[in-house]
Structure formats: structure tokens, C-alpha cells
Amino acid sequence: MNTKILMERETERNLSDALARGALLWAPLYSVGATAVSYMLTAENPAAATPVSELLMRSLLILAPACMLAETAGWVVFSKWKRLKHLGDRKAPLPKLVHFTPPLEAGKLREKRAA
């Protein structure tokens, strides 16, 4: 398979890719981590601790939109930076074009100057 196409696909993400990455990749990782930390902090008193499933659901409900929002913000910043970087090459002043006169008019001008 052409590696150039794969590299373009990896670098050119769109908004749906960013939302999916936030919801499906980062949210479960952060929620499992948050559940583990909160369970370890309350492990000394098991009677007062909330069940792991409830902690996991709460952290998923809180962290999934937060991760999606963070990935969207990252996508906006990255895509804008990429566009500005691409436009930076075109900020140089355009070269001035010489005045063009069609051949028939150029002949008439020569005749006028000669006369």
C-alpha cells in the first residue's frame, strides 16, 4: 500500500476524527485511571467507599465530554496552525508583471513613433 496515502490520512484529521479519538481513546483511559485513584484513596474505609462500577460510570460521564472537547480544541489549533504555516509561503509580495500590449497595437505604436 502507498505509504504517502497513509501519512496523509494520519496528518489530515477532521473534526469527527478528533471527537472519536477523544471519546473512544482518551475518555476510557482517563476514567479507568480516575476510578483506580479514587478507589485507592478510599480503600482504607470500605464501608464508606462507593462501588467501582458507580465510580467508573461517573468518571465516564464527566470525562468523556471533557476529552472530546479537549481533542476538538487541539484539532482546531492544529488545523489553524497548519493552514497559517501553508499560507506563510504566499505572504511574499507578488512580482510585478510587465505591461502587455497585443502585437497589433504594438505595430500601431511603432508606426506612430516613427511618424
PDB file of N, CA and C in Angstrom:
ATOM      1  N   MET A   1       0.845  -1.175   0.000  1.00  0.00           N
ATOM      2  CA  MET A   1       0.000   0.000   0.000  1.00  0.00           C
ATOM      3  C   MET A   1       0.890   1.237   0.000  1.00  0.00           C
ATOM      4  N   ASN A   2       0.399   2.287  -0.579  1.00  0.00           N
ATOM      5  CA  ASN A   2       1.171   3.511  -0.700  1.00  0.00           C
ATOM      6  C   ASN A   2       1.308   4.176   0.667  1.00  0.00           C
ATOM      7  N   THR A   3       2.532   4.368   1.116  1.00  0.00           N
ATOM      8  CA  THR A   3       2.737   4.954   2.443  1.00  0.00           C
ATOM      9  C   THR A   3       2.422   6.435   2.452  1.00  0.00           C
ATOM     10  N   LYS A   4       2.511   7.092   1.309  1.00  0.00           N
ATOM     11  CA  LYS A   4       2.192   8.514   1.258  1.00  0.00           C
ATOM     12  C   LYS A   4       0.717   8.747   1.589  1.00  0.00           C
ATOM     13  N   ILE A   5      -0.147   7.876   1.102  1.00  0.00           N
ATOM     14  CA  ILE A   5      -1.572   7.997   1.403  1.00  0.00           C
ATOM     15  C   ILE A   5      -1.810   7.783   2.891  1.00  0.00           C
ATOM     16  N   LEU A   6      -1.123   6.814   3.477  1.00  0.00           N
ATOM     17  CA  LEU A   6      -1.284   6.571   4.905  1.00  0.00           C
ATOM     18  C   LEU A   6      -0.802   7.757   5.719  1.00  0.00           C
ATOM     19  N   MET A   7       0.326   8.349   5.335  1.00  0.00           N
ATOM     20  CA  MET A   7       0.839   9.504   6.071  1.00  0.00           C
ATOM     21  C   MET A   7      -0.109  10.690   5.944  1.00  0.00           C
ATOM     22  N   GLU A   8      -0.701  10.894   4.769  1.00  0.00           N
ATOM     23  CA  GLU A   8      -1.665  11.972   4.606  1.00  0.00           C
ATOM     24  C   GLU A   8      -2.884  11.736   5.480  1.00  0.00           C
ATOM     25  N   ARG A   9      -3.327  10.508   5.565  1.00  0.00           N
ATOM     26  CA  ARG A   9      -4.504  10.201   6.386  1.00  0.00           C
ATOM     27  C   ARG A   9      -4.208  10.427   7.862  1.00  0.00           C
ATOM     28  N   GLU A  10      -2.980  10.116   8.289  1.00  0.00           N
ATOM     29  CA  GLU A  10      -2.639  10.315   9.689  1.00  0.00           C
ATOM     30  C   GLU A  10      -2.529  11.791  10.031  1.00  0.00           C
ATOM     31  N   THR A  11      -2.033  12.593   9.106  1.00  0.00           N
ATOM     32  CA  THR A  11      -1.832  14.004   9.419  1.00  0.00           C
ATOM     33  C   THR A  11      -3.076  14.842   9.170  1.00  0.00           C
ATOM     34  N   GLU A  12      -3.900  14.476   8.219  1.00  0.00           N
ATOM     35  CA  GLU A  12      -5.077  15.272   7.901  1.00  0.00           C
ATOM     36  C   GLU A  12      -6.308  14.701   8.593  1.00  0.00           C
ATOM     37  N   ARG A  13      -6.492  15.099   9.841  1.00  0.00           N
ATOM     38  CA  ARG A  13      -7.666  14.663  10.579  1.00  0.00           C
ATOM     39  C   ARG A  13      -8.774  15.692  10.418  1.00  0.00           C
ATOM     40  N   ASN A  14      -9.990  15.250  10.557  1.00  0.00           N
ATOM     41  CA  ASN A  14     -11.100  16.190  10.549  1.00  0.00           C
ATOM     42  C   ASN A  14     -11.759  16.192  11.926  1.00  0.00           C
ATOM     43  N   LEU A  15     -12.824  16.947  12.056  1.00  0.00           N
ATOM     44  CA  LEU A  15     -13.460  17.115  13.358  1.00  0.00           C
ATOM     45  C   LEU A  15     -14.028  15.802  13.892  1.00  0.00           C
ATOM     46  N   SER A  16     -14.587  14.980  13.039  1.00  0.00           N
ATOM     47  CA  SER A  16     -15.152  13.711  13.516  1.00  0.00           C
ATOM     48  C   SER A  16     -14.055  12.781  14.031  1.00  0.00           C
ATOM     49  N   ASP A  17     -12.874  12.824  13.400  1.00  0.00           N
ATOM     50  CA  ASP A  17     -11.753  12.035  13.913  1.00  0.00           C
ATOM     51  C   ASP A  17     -11.355  12.497  15.310  1.00  0.00           C
ATOM     52  N   ALA A  18     -11.339  13.811  15.512  1.00  0.00           N
ATOM     53  CA  ALA A  18     -10.965  14.347  16.819  1.00  0.00           C
ATOM     54  C   ALA A  18     -11.985  13.963  17.888  1.00  0.00           C
ATOM     55  N   LEU A  19     -13.272  14.048  17.552  1.00  0.00           N
ATOM     56  CA  LEU A  19     -14.305  13.676  18.528  1.00  0.00           C
ATOM     57  C   LEU A  19     -14.244  12.190  18.864  1.00  0.00           C
ATOM     58  N   ALA A  20     -14.060  11.364  17.851  1.00  0.00           N
ATOM     59  CA  ALA A  20     -13.985   9.919  18.092  1.00  0.00           C
ATOM     60  C   ALA A  20     -12.755   9.568  18.913  1.00  0.00           C
ATOM     61  N   ARG A  21     -11.648  10.214  18.622  1.00  0.00           N
ATOM     62  CA  ARG A  21     -10.426   9.935  19.377  1.00  0.00           C
ATOM     63  C   ARG A  21     -10.594  10.330  20.842  1.00  0.00           C
ATOM     64  N   GLY A  22     -11.233  11.469  21.080  1.00  0.00           N
ATOM     65  CA  GLY A  22     -11.462  11.895  22.456  1.00  0.00           C
ATOM     66  C   GLY A  22     -12.402  10.966  23.200  1.00  0.00           C
ATOM     67  N   ALA A  23     -13.475  10.532  22.521  1.00  0.00           N
ATOM     68  CA  ALA A  23     -14.477   9.699  23.188  1.00  0.00           C
ATOM     69  C   ALA A  23     -14.038   8.255  23.341  1.00  0.00           C
ATOM     70  N   LEU A  24     -13.357   7.721  22.333  1.00  0.00           N
ATOM     71  CA  LEU A  24     -13.058   6.292  22.345  1.00  0.00           C
ATOM     72  C   LEU A  24     -11.665   5.943  22.853  1.00  0.00           C
ATOM     73  N   LEU A  25     -10.756   6.898  22.841  1.00  0.00           N
ATOM     74  CA  LEU A  25      -9.393   6.593  23.276  1.00  0.00           C
ATOM     75  C   LEU A  25      -9.077   7.202  24.633  1.00  0.00           C
ATOM     76  N   TRP A  26      -9.211   8.525  24.732  1.00  0.00           N
ATOM     77  CA  TRP A  26      -8.767   9.193  25.955  1.00  0.00           C
ATOM     78  C   TRP A  26      -9.759   9.061  27.105  1.00  0.00           C
ATOM     79  N   ALA A  27     -11.056   9.126  26.839  1.00  0.00           N
ATOM     80  CA  ALA A  27     -12.040   9.062  27.921  1.00  0.00           C
ATOM     81  C   ALA A  27     -11.972   7.749  28.701  1.00  0.00           C
ATOM     82  N   PRO A  28     -11.929   6.575  28.058  1.00  0.00           N
ATOM     83  CA  PRO A  28     -11.813   5.349  28.852  1.00  0.00           C
ATOM     84  C   PRO A  28     -10.502   5.262  29.638  1.00  0.00           C
ATOM     85  N   LEU A  29      -9.412   5.719  29.035  1.00  0.00           N
ATOM     86  CA  LEU A  29      -8.136   5.675  29.761  1.00  0.00           C
ATOM     87  C   LEU A  29      -8.166   6.553  31.001  1.00  0.00           C
ATOM     88  N   TYR A  30      -8.632   7.788  30.839  1.00  0.00           N
ATOM     89  CA  TYR A  30      -8.677   8.694  31.983  1.00  0.00           C
ATOM     90  C   TYR A  30      -9.697   8.239  33.021  1.00  0.00           C
ATOM     91  N   SER A  31     -10.825   7.693  32.591  1.00  0.00           N
ATOM     92  CA  SER A  31     -11.838   7.279  33.561  1.00  0.00           C
ATOM     93  C   SER A  31     -11.384   6.063  34.357  1.00  0.00           C
ATOM     94  N   VAL A  32     -10.694   5.130  33.717  1.00  0.00           N
ATOM     95  CA  VAL A  32     -10.154   3.982  34.461  1.00  0.00           C
ATOM     96  C   VAL A  32      -9.094   4.461  35.444  1.00  0.00           C
ATOM     97  N   GLY A  33      -8.258   5.395  35.015  1.00  0.00           N
ATOM     98  CA  GLY A  33      -7.250   5.954  35.921  1.00  0.00           C
ATOM     99  C   GLY A  33      -7.877   6.692  37.085  1.00  0.00           C
ATOM    100  N   ALA A  34      -8.900   7.491  36.813  1.00  0.00           N
ATOM    101  CA  ALA A  34      -9.573   8.226  37.886  1.00  0.00           C
ATOM    102  C   ALA A  34     -10.278   7.276  38.844  1.00  0.00           C
ATOM    103  N   THR A  35     -10.867   6.217  38.311  1.00  0.00           N
ATOM    104  CA  THR A  35     -11.521   5.226  39.167  1.00  0.00           C
ATOM    105  C   THR A  35     -10.509   4.524  40.057  1.00  0.00           C
ATOM    106  N   ALA A  36      -9.371   4.159  39.496  1.00  0.00           N
ATOM    107  CA  ALA A  36      -8.334   3.487  40.291  1.00  0.00           C
ATOM    108  C   ALA A  36      -7.804   4.396  41.387  1.00  0.00           C
ATOM    109  N   VAL A  37      -7.574   5.648  41.065  1.00  0.00           N
ATOM    110  CA  VAL A  37      -7.062   6.586  42.076  1.00  0.00           C
ATOM    111  C   VAL A  37      -8.092   6.808  43.171  1.00  0.00           C
ATOM    112  N   SER A  38      -9.344   7.037  42.805  1.00  0.00           N
ATOM    113  CA  SER A  38     -10.361   7.278  43.833  1.00  0.00           C
ATOM    114  C   SER A  38     -10.620   6.026  44.664  1.00  0.00           C
ATOM    115  N   TYR A  39     -10.518   4.848  44.067  1.00  0.00           N
ATOM    116  CA  TYR A  39     -10.712   3.620  44.839  1.00  0.00           C
ATOM    117  C   TYR A  39      -9.558   3.407  45.807  1.00  0.00           C
ATOM    118  N   MET A  40      -8.333   3.724  45.359  1.00  0.00           N
ATOM    119  CA  MET A  40      -7.184   3.579  46.262  1.00  0.00           C
ATOM    120  C   MET A  40      -7.255   4.558  47.422  1.00  0.00           C
ATOM    121  N   LEU A  41      -7.766   5.754  47.166  1.00  0.00           N
ATOM    122  CA  LEU A  41      -7.864   6.741  48.240  1.00  0.00           C
ATOM    123  C   LEU A  41      -8.909   6.351  49.281  1.00  0.00           C
ATOM    124  N   THR A  42      -9.934   5.629  48.873  1.00  0.00           N
ATOM    125  CA  THR A  42     -10.985   5.231  49.822  1.00  0.00           C
ATOM    126  C   THR A  42     -10.886   3.761  50.216  1.00  0.00           C
ATOM    127  N   ALA A  43      -9.782   3.105  49.935  1.00  0.00           N
ATOM    128  CA  ALA A  43      -9.658   1.673  50.231  1.00  0.00           C
ATOM    129  C   ALA A  43      -9.526   1.397  51.721  1.00  0.00           C
ATOM    130  N   GLU A  44      -9.118   2.380  52.493  1.00  0.00           N
ATOM    131  CA  GLU A  44      -8.958   2.165  53.937  1.00  0.00           C
ATOM    132  C   GLU A  44     -10.299   1.982  54.631  1.00  0.00           C
ATOM    133  N   ASN A  45     -11.326   2.617  54.131  1.00  0.00           N
ATOM    134  CA  ASN A  45     -12.648   2.528  54.733  1.00  0.00           C
ATOM    135  C   ASN A  45     -13.627   1.967  53.697  1.00  0.00           C
ATOM    136  N   PRO A  46     -13.719   0.643  53.567  1.00  0.00           N
ATOM    137  CA  PRO A  46     -14.573   0.047  52.529  1.00  0.00           C
ATOM    138  C   PRO A  46     -16.057   0.336  52.711  1.00  0.00           C
ATOM    139  N   ALA A  47     -16.501   0.596  53.928  1.00  0.00           N
ATOM    140  CA  ALA A  47     -17.923   0.861  54.146  1.00  0.00           C
ATOM    141  C   ALA A  47     -18.334   2.201  53.539  1.00  0.00           C
ATOM    142  N   ALA A  48     -17.433   3.167  53.584  1.00  0.00           N
ATOM    143  CA  ALA A  48     -17.753   4.499  53.055  1.00  0.00           C
ATOM    144  C   ALA A  48     -17.454   4.622  51.563  1.00  0.00           C
ATOM    145  N   ALA A  49     -16.764   3.647  51.011  1.00  0.00           N
ATOM    146  CA  ALA A  49     -16.367   3.725  49.600  1.00  0.00           C
ATOM    147  C   ALA A  49     -17.553   3.424  48.690  1.00  0.00           C
ATOM    148  N   THR A  50     -17.605   4.111  47.586  1.00  0.00           N
ATOM    149  CA  THR A  50     -18.647   3.834  46.595  1.00  0.00           C
ATOM    150  C   THR A  50     -18.188   2.675  45.717  1.00  0.00           C
ATOM    151  N   PRO A  51     -19.105   1.927  45.151  1.00  0.00           N
ATOM    152  CA  PRO A  51     -18.712   0.795  44.300  1.00  0.00           C
ATOM    153  C   PRO A  51     -17.911   1.262  43.072  1.00  0.00           C
ATOM    154  N   VAL A  52     -17.067   0.361  42.607  1.00  0.00           N
ATOM    155  CA  VAL A  52     -16.197   0.678  41.472  1.00  0.00           C
ATOM    156  C   VAL A  52     -17.020   0.981  40.221  1.00  0.00           C
ATOM    157  N   SER A  53     -18.096   0.250  40.019  1.00  0.00           N
ATOM    158  CA  SER A  53     -18.911   0.477  38.815  1.00  0.00           C
ATOM    159  C   SER A  53     -19.526   1.876  38.818  1.00  0.00           C
ATOM    160  N   GLU A  54     -19.949   2.324  39.989  1.00  0.00           N
ATOM    161  CA  GLU A  54     -20.518   3.669  40.074  1.00  0.00           C
ATOM    162  C   GLU A  54     -19.448   4.735  39.832  1.00  0.00           C
ATOM    163  N   LEU A  55     -18.261   4.507  40.394  1.00  0.00           N
ATOM    164  CA  LEU A  55     -17.153   5.438  40.148  1.00  0.00           C
ATOM    165  C   LEU A  55     -16.793   5.492  38.666  1.00  0.00           C
ATOM    166  N   LEU A  56     -16.774   4.321  38.037  1.00  0.00           N
ATOM    167  CA  LEU A  56     -16.425   4.265  36.618  1.00  0.00           C
ATOM    168  C   LEU A  56     -17.469   4.988  35.764  1.00  0.00           C
ATOM    169  N   MET A  57     -18.737   4.794  36.061  1.00  0.00           N
ATOM    170  CA  MET A  57     -19.787   5.465  35.293  1.00  0.00           C
ATOM    171  C   MET A  57     -19.741   6.979  35.487  1.00  0.00           C
ATOM    172  N   ARG A  58     -19.532   7.417  36.720  1.00  0.00           N
ATOM    173  CA  ARG A  58     -19.444   8.861  36.971  1.00  0.00           C
ATOM    174  C   ARG A  58     -18.262   9.473  36.230  1.00  0.00           C
ATOM    175  N   SER A  59     -17.120   8.800  36.307  1.00  0.00           N
ATOM    176  CA  SER A  59     -15.940   9.361  35.643  1.00  0.00           C
ATOM    177  C   SER A  59     -16.101   9.345  34.124  1.00  0.00           C
ATOM    178  N   LEU A  60     -16.764   8.320  33.585  1.00  0.00           N
ATOM    179  CA  LEU A  60     -17.020   8.309  32.139  1.00  0.00           C
ATOM    180  C   LEU A  60     -17.967   9.432  31.730  1.00  0.00           C
ATOM    181  N   LEU A  61     -18.994   9.665  32.541  1.00  0.00           N
ATOM    182  CA  LEU A  61     -19.940  10.734  32.218  1.00  0.00           C
ATOM    183  C   LEU A  61     -19.295  12.110  32.296  1.00  0.00           C
ATOM    184  N   ILE A  62     -18.336  12.266  33.188  1.00  0.00           N
ATOM    185  CA  ILE A  62     -17.671  13.562  33.334  1.00  0.00           C
ATOM    186  C   ILE A  62     -16.531  13.712  32.334  1.00  0.00           C
ATOM    187  N   LEU A  63     -15.732  12.672  32.175  1.00  0.00           N
ATOM    188  CA  LEU A  63     -14.511  12.800  31.381  1.00  0.00           C
ATOM    189  C   LEU A  63     -14.717  12.633  29.877  1.00  0.00           C
ATOM    190  N   ALA A  64     -15.740  11.925  29.458  1.00  0.00           N
ATOM    191  CA  ALA A  64     -15.935  11.743  28.008  1.00  0.00           C
ATOM    192  C   ALA A  64     -16.184  13.071  27.289  1.00  0.00           C
ATOM    193  N   PRO A  65     -17.113  13.907  27.765  1.00  0.00           N
ATOM    194  CA  PRO A  65     -17.265  15.209  27.084  1.00  0.00           C
ATOM    195  C   PRO A  65     -16.034  16.099  27.230  1.00  0.00           C
ATOM    196  N   ALA A  66     -15.362  16.008  28.376  1.00  0.00           N
ATOM    197  CA  ALA A  66     -14.159  16.823  28.567  1.00  0.00           C
ATOM    198  C   ALA A  66     -13.055  16.401  27.600  1.00  0.00           C
ATOM    199  N   CYS A  67     -12.884  15.102  27.405  1.00  0.00           N
ATOM    200  CA  CYS A  67     -11.866  14.619  26.463  1.00  0.00           C
ATOM    201  C   CYS A  67     -12.232  14.971  25.026  1.00  0.00           C
ATOM    202  N   MET A  68     -13.517  14.879  24.705  1.00  0.00           N
ATOM    203  CA  MET A  68     -13.947  15.255  23.361  1.00  0.00           C
ATOM    204  C   MET A  68     -13.710  16.744  23.112  1.00  0.00           C
ATOM    205  N   LEU A  69     -13.990  17.555  24.116  1.00  0.00           N
ATOM    206  CA  LEU A  69     -13.769  18.991  23.988  1.00  0.00           C
ATOM    207  C   LEU A  69     -12.285  19.316  23.852  1.00  0.00           C
ATOM    208  N   ALA A  70     -11.447  18.632  24.629  1.00  0.00           N
ATOM    209  CA  ALA A  70     -10.001  18.864  24.544  1.00  0.00           C
ATOM    210  C   ALA A  70      -9.449  18.441  23.184  1.00  0.00           C
ATOM    211  N   GLU A  71      -9.888  17.308  22.674  1.00  0.00           N
ATOM    212  CA  GLU A  71      -9.432  16.871  21.347  1.00  0.00           C
ATOM    213  C   GLU A  71      -9.915  17.818  20.254  1.00  0.00           C
ATOM    214  N   THR A  72     -11.136  18.325  20.386  1.00  0.00           N
ATOM    215  CA  THR A  72     -11.644  19.282  19.405  1.00  0.00           C
ATOM    216  C   THR A  72     -10.826  20.563  19.432  1.00  0.00           C
ATOM    217  N   ALA A  73     -10.510  21.047  20.632  1.00  0.00           N
ATOM    218  CA  ALA A  73      -9.680  22.250  20.739  1.00  0.00           C
ATOM    219  C   ALA A  73      -8.301  22.009  20.134  1.00  0.00           C
ATOM    220  N   GLY A  74      -7.733  20.847  20.400  1.00  0.00           N
ATOM    221  CA  GLY A  74      -6.438  20.520  19.806  1.00  0.00           C
ATOM    222  C   GLY A  74      -6.509  20.442  18.295  1.00  0.00           C
ATOM    223  N   TRP A  75      -7.599  19.896  17.779  1.00  0.00           N
ATOM    224  CA  TRP A  75      -7.760  19.809  16.327  1.00  0.00           C
ATOM    225  C   TRP A  75      -7.877  21.194  15.704  1.00  0.00           C
ATOM    226  N   VAL A  76      -8.639  22.085  16.360  1.00  0.00           N
ATOM    227  CA  VAL A  76      -8.802  23.443  15.833  1.00  0.00           C
ATOM    228  C   VAL A  76      -7.460  24.162  15.802  1.00  0.00           C
ATOM    229  N   VAL A  77      -6.712  24.067  16.894  1.00  0.00           N
ATOM    230  CA  VAL A  77      -5.406  24.734  16.957  1.00  0.00           C
ATOM    231  C   VAL A  77      -4.463  24.146  15.916  1.00  0.00           C
ATOM    232  N   PHE A  78      -4.421  22.828  15.812  1.00  0.00           N
ATOM    233  CA  PHE A  78      -3.505  22.185  14.872  1.00  0.00           C
ATOM    234  C   PHE A  78      -3.854  22.518  13.428  1.00  0.00           C
ATOM    235  N   SER A  79      -5.146  22.466  13.085  1.00  0.00           N
ATOM    236  CA  SER A  79      -5.526  22.728  11.696  1.00  0.00           C
ATOM    237  C   SER A  79      -5.310  24.196  11.342  1.00  0.00           C
ATOM    238  N   LYS A  80      -5.571  25.102  12.285  1.00  0.00           N
ATOM    239  CA  LYS A  80      -5.339  26.523  12.010  1.00  0.00           C
ATOM    240  C   LYS A  80      -3.847  26.785  11.858  1.00  0.00           C
ATOM    241  N   TRP A  81      -3.024  26.184  12.705  1.00  0.00           N
ATOM    242  CA  TRP A  81      -1.575  26.357  12.612  1.00  0.00           C
ATOM    243  C   TRP A  81      -1.065  25.831  11.279  1.00  0.00           C
ATOM    244  N   LYS A  82      -1.614  24.697  10.857  1.00  0.00           N
ATOM    245  CA  LYS A  82      -1.183  24.108   9.587  1.00  0.00           C
ATOM    246  C   LYS A  82      -1.569  25.004   8.415  1.00  0.00           C
ATOM    247  N   ARG A  83      -2.790  25.573   8.475  1.00  0.00           N
ATOM    248  CA  ARG A  83      -3.217  26.481   7.411  1.00  0.00           C
ATOM    249  C   ARG A  83      -2.367  27.744   7.387  1.00  0.00           C
ATOM    250  N   LEU A  84      -2.074  28.301   8.568  1.00  0.00           N
ATOM    251  CA  LEU A  84      -1.256  29.512   8.621  1.00  0.00           C
ATOM    252  C   LEU A  84       0.159  29.236   8.142  1.00  0.00           C
ATOM    253  N   LYS A  85       0.680  28.075   8.466  1.00  0.00           N
ATOM    254  CA  LYS A  85       2.014  27.709   8.006  1.00  0.00           C
ATOM    255  C   LYS A  85       2.024  27.590   6.483  1.00  0.00           C
ATOM    256  N   HIS A  86       0.953  27.033   5.937  1.00  0.00           N
ATOM    257  CA  HIS A  86       0.847  26.887   4.485  1.00  0.00           C
ATOM    258  C   HIS A  86       0.711  28.253   3.809  1.00  0.00           C
ATOM    259  N   LEU A  87      -0.036  29.164   4.434  1.00  0.00           N
ATOM    260  CA  LEU A  87      -0.218  30.490   3.863  1.00  0.00           C
ATOM    261  C   LEU A  87       1.023  31.360   4.023  1.00  0.00           C
ATOM    262  N   GLY A  88       1.888  31.025   4.968  1.00  0.00           N
ATOM    263  CA  GLY A  88       3.084  31.824   5.209  1.00  0.00           C
ATOM    264  C   GLY A  88       3.987  31.895   4.004  1.00  0.00           C
ATOM    265  N   ASP A  89       3.990  30.869   3.185  1.00  0.00           N
ATOM    266  CA  ASP A  89       4.828  30.882   1.993  1.00  0.00           C
ATOM    267  C   ASP A  89       4.300  31.874   0.959  1.00  0.00           C
ATOM    268  N   ARG A  90       3.006  32.146   1.007  1.00  0.00           N
ATOM    269  CA  ARG A  90       2.400  33.008  -0.005  1.00  0.00           C
ATOM    270  C   ARG A  90       2.331  34.470   0.421  1.00  0.00           C
ATOM    271  N   LYS A  91       2.913  34.835   1.564  1.00  0.00           N
ATOM    272  CA  LYS A  91       2.839  36.215   2.019  1.00  0.00           C
ATOM    273  C   LYS A  91       3.878  37.107   1.348  1.00  0.00           C
ATOM    274  N   ALA A  92       4.764  36.543   0.586  1.00  0.00           N
ATOM    275  CA  ALA A  92       5.762  37.343  -0.125  1.00  0.00           C
ATOM    276  C   ALA A  92       5.056  38.197  -1.175  1.00  0.00           C
ATOM    277  N   PRO A  93       5.574  39.400  -1.429  1.00  0.00           N
ATOM    278  CA  PRO A  93       4.904  40.247  -2.430  1.00  0.00           C
ATOM    279  C   PRO A  93       4.934  39.607  -3.811  1.00  0.00           C
ATOM    280  N   LEU A  94       3.865  39.807  -4.530  1.00  0.00           N
ATOM    281  CA  LEU A  94       3.767  39.237  -5.870  1.00  0.00           C
ATOM    282  C   LEU A  94       4.671  40.010  -6.828  1.00  0.00           C
ATOM    283  N   PRO A  95       5.299  39.325  -7.751  1.00  0.00           N
ATOM    284  CA  PRO A  95       6.151  40.043  -8.714  1.00  0.00           C
ATOM    285  C   PRO A  95       5.291  40.891  -9.648  1.00  0.00           C
ATOM    286  N   LYS A  96       5.813  42.056  -9.991  1.00  0.00           N
ATOM    287  CA  LYS A  96       5.069  42.946 -10.880  1.00  0.00           C
ATOM    288  C   LYS A  96       5.203  42.446 -12.315  1.00  0.00           C
ATOM    289  N   LEU A  97       4.085  42.442 -12.995  1.00  0.00           N
ATOM    290  CA  LEU A  97       4.064  41.990 -14.382  1.00  0.00           C
ATOM    291  C   LEU A  97       4.367  43.166 -15.308  1.00  0.00           C
ATOM    292  N   VAL A  98       5.085  42.898 -16.370  1.00  0.00           N
ATOM    293  CA  VAL A  98       5.353  43.942 -17.355  1.00  0.00           C
ATOM    294  C   VAL A  98       4.072  44.242 -18.109  1.00  0.00           C
ATOM    295  N   HIS A  99       3.958  45.467 -18.563  1.00  0.00           N
ATOM    296  CA  HIS A  99       2.749  45.861 -19.287  1.00  0.00           C
ATOM    297  C   HIS A  99       2.703  45.141 -20.630  1.00  0.00           C
ATOM    298  N   PHE A 100       1.602  44.463 -20.862  1.00  0.00           N
ATOM    299  CA  PHE A 100       1.460  43.684 -22.094  1.00  0.00           C
ATOM    300  C   PHE A 100       0.671  44.483 -23.122  1.00  0.00           C
ATOM    301  N   THR A 101       1.216  44.583 -24.319  1.00  0.00           N
ATOM    302  CA  THR A 101       0.471  45.183 -25.428  1.00  0.00           C
ATOM    303  C   THR A 101       0.346  44.139 -26.524  1.00  0.00           C
ATOM    304  N   PRO A 102      -0.835  43.952 -27.039  1.00  0.00           N
ATOM    305  CA  PRO A 102      -1.014  42.974 -28.112  1.00  0.00           C
ATOM    306  C   PRO A 102      -0.179  43.347 -29.336  1.00  0.00           C
ATOM    307  N   PRO A 103       0.193  42.378 -30.152  1.00  0.00           N
ATOM    308  CA  PRO A 103       1.079  42.638 -31.293  1.00  0.00           C
ATOM    309  C   PRO A 103       0.543  43.682 -32.268  1.00  0.00           C
ATOM    310  N   LEU A 104      -0.769  43.697 -32.523  1.00  0.00           N
ATOM    311  CA  LEU A 104      -1.313  44.678 -33.466  1.00  0.00           C
ATOM    312  C   LEU A 104      -1.159  46.099 -32.936  1.00  0.00           C
ATOM    313  N   GLU A 105      -1.440  46.275 -31.645  1.00  0.00           N
ATOM    314  CA  GLU A 105      -1.295  47.603 -31.057  1.00  0.00           C
ATOM    315  C   GLU A 105       0.167  48.005 -30.984  1.00  0.00           C
ATOM    316  N   ALA A 106       1.044  47.054 -30.760  1.00  0.00           N
ATOM    317  CA  ALA A 106       2.472  47.366 -30.718  1.00  0.00           C
ATOM    318  C   ALA A 106       2.941  47.870 -32.078  1.00  0.00           C
ATOM    319  N   GLY A 107       2.446  47.271 -33.154  1.00  0.00           N
ATOM    320  CA  GLY A 107       2.792  47.736 -34.501  1.00  0.00           C
ATOM    321  C   GLY A 107       2.278  49.142 -34.762  1.00  0.00           C
ATOM    322  N   LYS A 108       1.050  49.423 -34.305  1.00  0.00           N
ATOM    323  CA  LYS A 108       0.489  50.763 -34.480  1.00  0.00           C
ATOM    324  C   LYS A 108       1.301  51.789 -33.697  1.00  0.00           C
ATOM    325  N   LEU A 109       1.721  51.399 -32.464  1.00  0.00           N
ATOM    326  CA  LEU A 109       2.534  52.317 -31.668  1.00  0.00           C
ATOM    327  C   LEU A 109       3.865  52.600 -32.352  1.00  0.00           C
ATOM    328  N   ARG A 110       4.471  51.595 -32.962  1.00  0.00           N
ATOM    329  CA  ARG A 110       5.743  51.794 -33.667  1.00  0.00           C
ATOM    330  C   ARG A 110       5.567  52.743 -34.856  1.00  0.00           C
ATOM    331  N   GLU A 111       4.448  52.580 -35.559  1.00  0.00           N
ATOM    332  CA  GLU A 111       4.177  53.459 -36.703  1.00  0.00           C
ATOM    333  C   GLU A 111       3.986  54.904 -36.254  1.00  0.00           C
ATOM    334  N   LYS A 112       3.282  55.083 -35.108  1.00  0.00           N
ATOM    335  CA  LYS A 112       3.073  56.437 -34.598  1.00  0.00           C
ATOM    336  C   LYS A 112       4.398  57.068 -34.198  1.00  0.00           C
ATOM    337  N   ARG A 113       5.261  56.298 -33.545  1.00  0.00           N
ATOM    338  CA  ARG A 113       6.549  56.825 -33.100  1.00  0.00           C
ATOM    339  C   ARG A 113       7.457  57.131 -34.288  1.00  0.00           C
ATOM    340  N   ALA A 114       7.361  56.304 -35.310  1.00  0.00           N
ATOM    341  CA  ALA A 114       8.205  56.522 -36.493  1.00  0.00           C
ATOM    342  C   ALA A 114       7.748  57.757 -37.265  1.00  0.00           C
ATOM    343  N   ALA A 115       6.471  58.065 -37.206  1.00  0.00           N
ATOM    344  CA  ALA A 115       5.957  59.201 -37.981  1.00  0.00           C
ATOM    345  C   ALA A 115       6.214  60.531 -37.314  1.00  0.00           C
TER     346      ALA A 115
END
